[in-house]
Amino acid sequence: MHELSMVMRLANTAEETAKQNDMKKVETITVGVGEMSTAIGEYLRKYFNQVKGKYERINEAALLLHDEKGEGLCNKCGTSFLLTENEGVCPVCGERDFKITKGKSITVLSIEGE
């Protein structure tokens, strides 16, 4: 259910950005969804469609989701690597000690409209 709070923040951000840029109508909102964010795209779409009608500028907008790969930085050897593809194991030194550097957030990438 944390997707609902994410969608509320996303909707507020999109509506405010549209207002600040004198947009009358938002047609599409493109959002990057990090694979390490724990957000489920199906629920983001569902909740967005339920809440968008409460807003003036985004009430007819489509939500486009862009998957972002999770990346990690190995704390032992400094190698940057894709987490899922490598099952959380550094492909250079074999350690599982890493810091997530990409793919753990939900980010508005673009807002398009008139």
N, C-alpha and C. Protein backbone atom coordinates (compact mmCIF):
# COMPACT_ATOMS: atom_id res chain seq x y z
N MET A 1 0.80 -1.21 0.00
CA MET A 1 0.00 0.00 0.00
C MET A 1 0.84 1.26 0.00
N HIS A 2 2.15 1.14 0.14
CA HIS A 2 2.97 2.34 0.13
C HIS A 2 2.94 3.01 -1.24
N GLU A 3 2.48 2.31 -2.27
CA GLU A 3 2.36 2.90 -3.60
C GLU A 3 1.37 4.07 -3.58
N LEU A 4 0.33 4.01 -2.75
CA LEU A 4 -0.64 5.09 -2.69
C LEU A 4 0.02 6.38 -2.22
N SER A 5 0.84 6.32 -1.19
CA SER A 5 1.51 7.54 -0.74
C SER A 5 2.51 8.03 -1.79
N MET A 6 3.16 7.11 -2.51
CA MET A 6 4.05 7.51 -3.60
C MET A 6 3.28 8.24 -4.69
N VAL A 7 2.11 7.71 -5.05
CA VAL A 7 1.29 8.30 -6.09
C VAL A 7 0.78 9.68 -5.65
N MET A 8 0.42 9.83 -4.41
CA MET A 8 -0.04 11.13 -3.92
C MET A 8 1.08 12.17 -4.05
N ARG A 9 2.30 11.81 -3.67
CA ARG A 9 3.43 12.74 -3.82
C ARG A 9 3.69 13.04 -5.29
N LEU A 10 3.63 12.01 -6.12
CA LEU A 10 3.84 12.17 -7.55
C LEU A 10 2.78 13.10 -8.15
N ALA A 11 1.53 12.89 -7.81
CA ALA A 11 0.43 13.72 -8.33
C ALA A 11 0.59 15.17 -7.87
N ASN A 12 0.93 15.37 -6.61
CA ASN A 12 1.13 16.73 -6.10
C ASN A 12 2.29 17.42 -6.82
N THR A 13 3.38 16.68 -7.03
CA THR A 13 4.54 17.23 -7.73
C THR A 13 4.18 17.60 -9.16
N ALA A 14 3.48 16.72 -9.86
CA ALA A 14 3.10 16.98 -11.25
C ALA A 14 2.15 18.17 -11.36
N GLU A 15 1.19 18.23 -10.48
CA GLU A 15 0.21 19.33 -10.50
C GLU A 15 0.92 20.66 -10.22
N GLU A 16 1.79 20.68 -9.23
CA GLU A 16 2.50 21.91 -8.87
C GLU A 16 3.46 22.33 -9.98
N THR A 17 4.16 21.37 -10.57
CA THR A 17 5.07 21.68 -11.68
C THR A 17 4.31 22.24 -12.87
N ALA A 18 3.16 21.66 -13.18
CA ALA A 18 2.33 22.15 -14.28
C ALA A 18 1.88 23.59 -14.00
N LYS A 19 1.49 23.84 -12.78
CA LYS A 19 1.03 25.18 -12.40
C LYS A 19 2.17 26.19 -12.52
N GLN A 20 3.35 25.83 -12.03
CA GLN A 20 4.51 26.72 -12.09
C GLN A 20 4.95 27.03 -13.52
N ASN A 21 4.66 26.10 -14.43
CA ASN A 21 5.05 26.28 -15.82
C ASN A 21 3.89 26.71 -16.72
N ASP A 22 2.82 27.19 -16.10
CA ASP A 22 1.64 27.69 -16.81
C ASP A 22 1.04 26.68 -17.79
N MET A 23 1.10 25.41 -17.43
CA MET A 23 0.48 24.37 -18.25
C MET A 23 -0.98 24.26 -17.82
N LYS A 24 -1.86 24.25 -18.80
CA LYS A 24 -3.30 24.14 -18.50
C LYS A 24 -3.73 22.68 -18.36
N LYS A 25 -3.07 21.81 -19.15
CA LYS A 25 -3.47 20.40 -19.18
C LYS A 25 -2.22 19.53 -19.34
N VAL A 26 -2.06 18.56 -18.47
CA VAL A 26 -0.96 17.61 -18.57
C VAL A 26 -1.46 16.38 -19.31
N GLU A 27 -0.70 15.97 -20.33
CA GLU A 27 -1.09 14.81 -21.11
C GLU A 27 -0.38 13.54 -20.66
N THR A 28 0.91 13.65 -20.38
CA THR A 28 1.65 12.47 -19.90
C THR A 28 2.62 12.86 -18.79
N ILE A 29 2.76 11.94 -17.86
CA ILE A 29 3.75 12.05 -16.80
C ILE A 29 4.60 10.79 -16.89
N THR A 30 5.89 10.98 -17.13
CA THR A 30 6.80 9.85 -17.23
C THR A 30 7.58 9.74 -15.92
N VAL A 31 7.56 8.55 -15.36
CA VAL A 31 8.16 8.32 -14.05
C VAL A 31 9.16 7.18 -14.13
N GLY A 32 10.33 7.41 -13.57
CA GLY A 32 11.32 6.36 -13.45
C GLY A 32 11.06 5.58 -12.17
N VAL A 33 10.97 4.28 -12.28
CA VAL A 33 10.70 3.42 -11.13
C VAL A 33 11.91 2.49 -10.94
N GLY A 34 12.64 2.74 -9.90
CA GLY A 34 13.81 1.93 -9.61
C GLY A 34 13.41 0.53 -9.16
N GLU A 35 14.11 -0.47 -9.70
CA GLU A 35 13.76 -1.85 -9.36
C GLU A 35 14.03 -2.16 -7.89
N MET A 36 14.83 -1.35 -7.21
CA MET A 36 15.11 -1.56 -5.79
C MET A 36 14.17 -0.72 -4.91
N SER A 37 13.22 -0.02 -5.50
CA SER A 37 12.31 0.86 -4.76
C SER A 37 11.19 0.10 -4.06
N THR A 38 10.96 -1.10 -4.40
CA THR A 38 9.88 -1.96 -3.90
C THR A 38 8.50 -1.55 -4.41
N ALA A 39 8.42 -0.54 -5.28
CA ALA A 39 7.13 -0.13 -5.84
C ALA A 39 6.72 -1.09 -6.95
N ILE A 40 5.42 -1.35 -7.03
CA ILE A 40 4.88 -2.24 -8.05
C ILE A 40 4.13 -1.38 -9.07
N GLY A 41 4.58 -1.44 -10.32
CA GLY A 41 4.03 -0.60 -11.37
C GLY A 41 2.53 -0.71 -11.52
N GLU A 42 2.00 -1.90 -11.44
CA GLU A 42 0.56 -2.13 -11.57
C GLU A 42 -0.22 -1.31 -10.53
N TYR A 43 0.29 -1.26 -9.31
CA TYR A 43 -0.37 -0.50 -8.26
C TYR A 43 -0.19 1.00 -8.44
N LEU A 44 0.97 1.41 -8.93
CA LEU A 44 1.18 2.83 -9.21
C LEU A 44 0.15 3.32 -10.23
N ARG A 45 -0.04 2.56 -11.30
CA ARG A 45 -1.02 2.93 -12.33
C ARG A 45 -2.44 2.95 -11.75
N LYS A 46 -2.77 1.92 -11.02
CA LYS A 46 -4.12 1.81 -10.45
C LYS A 46 -4.43 2.99 -9.54
N TYR A 47 -3.53 3.29 -8.62
CA TYR A 47 -3.77 4.40 -7.69
C TYR A 47 -3.72 5.74 -8.38
N PHE A 48 -2.84 5.89 -9.38
CA PHE A 48 -2.79 7.15 -10.11
C PHE A 48 -4.13 7.40 -10.79
N ASN A 49 -4.67 6.39 -11.43
CA ASN A 49 -5.96 6.55 -12.11
C ASN A 49 -7.08 6.86 -11.12
N GLN A 50 -6.96 6.44 -9.89
CA GLN A 50 -7.97 6.73 -8.88
C GLN A 50 -7.86 8.15 -8.34
N VAL A 51 -6.65 8.69 -8.25
CA VAL A 51 -6.49 10.02 -7.62
C VAL A 51 -6.39 11.17 -8.60
N LYS A 52 -6.04 10.94 -9.85
CA LYS A 52 -5.78 12.05 -10.78
C LYS A 52 -7.00 12.94 -11.01
N GLY A 53 -8.21 12.41 -10.88
CA GLY A 53 -9.42 13.19 -11.07
C GLY A 53 -9.62 14.29 -10.05
N LYS A 54 -8.87 14.25 -8.96
CA LYS A 54 -8.99 15.26 -7.91
C LYS A 54 -8.14 16.49 -8.20
N TYR A 55 -7.43 16.46 -9.32
CA TYR A 55 -6.52 17.55 -9.67
C TYR A 55 -6.99 18.25 -10.94
N GLU A 56 -6.74 19.53 -11.01
CA GLU A 56 -7.20 20.33 -12.14
C GLU A 56 -6.41 20.06 -13.43
N ARG A 57 -5.10 19.99 -13.33
CA ARG A 57 -4.27 19.93 -14.53
C ARG A 57 -3.89 18.50 -14.96
N ILE A 58 -3.88 17.56 -14.05
CA ILE A 58 -3.45 16.20 -14.40
C ILE A 58 -4.61 15.21 -14.49
N ASN A 59 -5.82 15.71 -14.44
CA ASN A 59 -6.98 14.81 -14.34
C ASN A 59 -7.18 13.90 -15.55
N GLU A 60 -6.56 14.22 -16.69
CA GLU A 60 -6.67 13.35 -17.87
C GLU A 60 -5.32 12.78 -18.28
N ALA A 61 -4.32 12.95 -17.46
CA ALA A 61 -2.95 12.54 -17.81
C ALA A 61 -2.78 11.02 -17.81
N ALA A 62 -1.89 10.58 -18.68
CA ALA A 62 -1.48 9.17 -18.70
C ALA A 62 -0.18 9.05 -17.92
N LEU A 63 -0.04 7.97 -17.20
CA LEU A 63 1.17 7.71 -16.43
C LEU A 63 2.01 6.69 -17.18
N LEU A 64 3.22 7.10 -17.58
CA LEU A 64 4.14 6.20 -18.26
C LEU A 64 5.25 5.83 -17.29
N LEU A 65 5.50 4.54 -17.15
CA LEU A 65 6.52 4.08 -16.22
C LEU A 65 7.75 3.60 -16.97
N HIS A 66 8.89 4.04 -16.50
CA HIS A 66 10.18 3.65 -17.09
C HIS A 66 10.95 2.89 -16.02
N ASP A 67 11.24 1.62 -16.29
CA ASP A 67 11.99 0.80 -15.32
C ASP A 67 13.45 1.23 -15.29
N GLU A 68 13.97 1.41 -14.07
CA GLU A 68 15.37 1.76 -13.91
C GLU A 68 16.08 0.63 -13.16
N LYS A 69 17.14 0.15 -13.74
CA LYS A 69 17.91 -0.94 -13.15
C LYS A 69 18.57 -0.52 -11.84
N GLY A 70 18.67 -1.46 -10.93
CA GLY A 70 19.38 -1.22 -9.68
C GLY A 70 20.87 -1.43 -9.88
N GLU A 71 21.65 -0.47 -9.42
CA GLU A 71 23.10 -0.58 -9.51
C GLU A 71 23.70 -0.49 -8.13
N GLY A 72 24.79 -1.18 -7.96
CA GLY A 72 25.50 -1.15 -6.68
C GLY A 72 26.96 -0.83 -6.88
N LEU A 73 27.57 -0.36 -5.82
CA LEU A 73 29.01 -0.08 -5.81
C LEU A 73 29.62 -0.97 -4.74
N CYS A 74 30.51 -1.84 -5.16
CA CYS A 74 31.14 -2.79 -4.24
C CYS A 74 32.00 -2.03 -3.23
N ASN A 75 31.78 -2.31 -1.96
CA ASN A 75 32.54 -1.66 -0.90
C ASN A 75 33.96 -2.20 -0.79
N LYS A 76 34.21 -3.36 -1.37
CA LYS A 76 35.56 -3.95 -1.29
C LYS A 76 36.46 -3.48 -2.43
N CYS A 77 35.98 -3.63 -3.68
CA CYS A 77 36.87 -3.31 -4.81
C CYS A 77 36.47 -2.08 -5.61
N GLY A 78 35.29 -1.49 -5.30
CA GLY A 78 34.88 -0.26 -5.98
C GLY A 78 34.22 -0.45 -7.33
N THR A 79 33.90 -1.67 -7.69
CA THR A 79 33.26 -1.95 -8.98
C THR A 79 31.77 -1.57 -8.92
N SER A 80 31.30 -0.91 -9.97
CA SER A 80 29.88 -0.62 -10.13
C SER A 80 29.27 -1.76 -10.95
N PHE A 81 28.13 -2.28 -10.49
CA PHE A 81 27.53 -3.41 -11.18
C PHE A 81 26.01 -3.43 -11.04
N LEU A 82 25.34 -4.12 -11.98
CA LEU A 82 23.89 -4.28 -11.94
C LEU A 82 23.55 -5.33 -10.88
N LEU A 83 22.68 -4.96 -9.97
CA LEU A 83 22.40 -5.83 -8.82
C LEU A 83 21.62 -7.08 -9.18
N THR A 84 20.52 -6.94 -9.89
CA THR A 84 19.68 -8.09 -10.20
C THR A 84 20.39 -9.09 -11.10
N GLU A 85 21.03 -8.59 -12.14
CA GLU A 85 21.71 -9.47 -13.08
C GLU A 85 22.84 -10.27 -12.40
N ASN A 86 23.42 -9.68 -11.37
CA ASN A 86 24.53 -10.33 -10.67
C ASN A 86 24.11 -10.91 -9.31
N GLU A 87 22.81 -10.93 -9.07
CA GLU A 87 22.25 -11.47 -7.83
C GLU A 87 22.91 -10.89 -6.58
N GLY A 88 23.26 -9.59 -6.66
CA GLY A 88 23.84 -8.90 -5.51
C GLY A 88 25.28 -9.26 -5.22
N VAL A 89 25.93 -9.94 -6.16
CA VAL A 89 27.32 -10.36 -5.97
C VAL A 89 28.21 -9.57 -6.93
N CYS A 90 29.24 -8.94 -6.40
CA CYS A 90 30.18 -8.21 -7.25
C CYS A 90 30.80 -9.17 -8.27
N PRO A 91 30.71 -8.85 -9.56
CA PRO A 91 31.25 -9.75 -10.58
C PRO A 91 32.77 -9.78 -10.62
N VAL A 92 33.43 -8.85 -9.93
CA VAL A 92 34.88 -8.80 -9.95
C VAL A 92 35.49 -9.56 -8.77
N CYS A 93 35.00 -9.25 -7.55
CA CYS A 93 35.63 -9.86 -6.38
C CYS A 93 34.75 -10.88 -5.66
N GLY A 94 33.47 -10.99 -6.05
CA GLY A 94 32.60 -11.99 -5.46
C GLY A 94 31.98 -11.61 -4.12
N GLU A 95 32.18 -10.39 -3.66
CA GLU A 95 31.61 -9.96 -2.38
C GLU A 95 30.15 -9.54 -2.53
N ARG A 96 29.42 -9.62 -1.42
CA ARG A 96 28.03 -9.16 -1.36
C ARG A 96 27.93 -7.87 -0.55
N ASP A 97 29.01 -7.19 -0.37
CA ASP A 97 29.07 -5.95 0.41
C ASP A 97 29.05 -4.77 -0.56
N PHE A 98 27.88 -4.14 -0.69
CA PHE A 98 27.74 -3.06 -1.67
C PHE A 98 26.81 -1.98 -1.16
N LYS A 99 26.88 -0.83 -1.82
CA LYS A 99 25.97 0.28 -1.56
C LYS A 99 25.12 0.45 -2.82
N ILE A 100 23.80 0.58 -2.65
CA ILE A 100 22.93 0.81 -3.80
C ILE A 100 23.14 2.25 -4.26
N THR A 101 23.48 2.40 -5.54
CA THR A 101 23.75 3.74 -6.08
C THR A 101 22.68 4.23 -7.06
N LYS A 102 21.93 3.33 -7.65
CA LYS A 102 20.86 3.70 -8.58
C LYS A 102 19.73 2.70 -8.48
N GLY A 103 18.52 3.20 -8.79
CA GLY A 103 17.39 2.30 -8.89
C GLY A 103 16.62 2.07 -7.61
N LYS A 104 16.77 2.97 -6.63
CA LYS A 104 16.03 2.76 -5.39
C LYS A 104 14.96 3.83 -5.14
N SER A 105 14.67 4.64 -6.17
CA SER A 105 13.69 5.70 -5.96
C SER A 105 12.66 5.74 -7.09
N ILE A 106 11.66 6.58 -6.86
CA ILE A 106 10.63 6.89 -7.85
C ILE A 106 10.88 8.36 -8.21
N THR A 107 11.06 8.64 -9.50
CA THR A 107 11.42 9.98 -9.93
C THR A 107 10.58 10.43 -11.11
N VAL A 108 10.05 11.65 -11.05
CA VAL A 108 9.35 12.21 -12.20
C VAL A 108 10.41 12.60 -13.23
N LEU A 109 10.36 11.97 -14.40
CA LEU A 109 11.33 12.24 -15.46
C LEU A 109 10.88 13.36 -16.39
N SER A 110 9.57 13.38 -16.67
CA SER A 110 9.05 14.44 -17.53
C SER A 110 7.55 14.61 -17.34
N ILE A 111 7.11 15.82 -17.64
CA ILE A 111 5.69 16.15 -17.62
C ILE A 111 5.40 16.87 -18.94
N GLU A 112 4.50 16.32 -19.73
CA GLU A 112 4.20 16.88 -21.03
C GLU A 112 2.75 17.30 -21.10
N GLY A 113 2.50 18.41 -21.78
CA GLY A 113 1.16 18.91 -21.94
C GLY A 113 1.16 20.24 -22.64
N GLU A 114 0.09 20.97 -22.42
CA GLU A 114 -0.04 22.27 -23.08
C GLU A 114 -0.39 23.35 -22.08
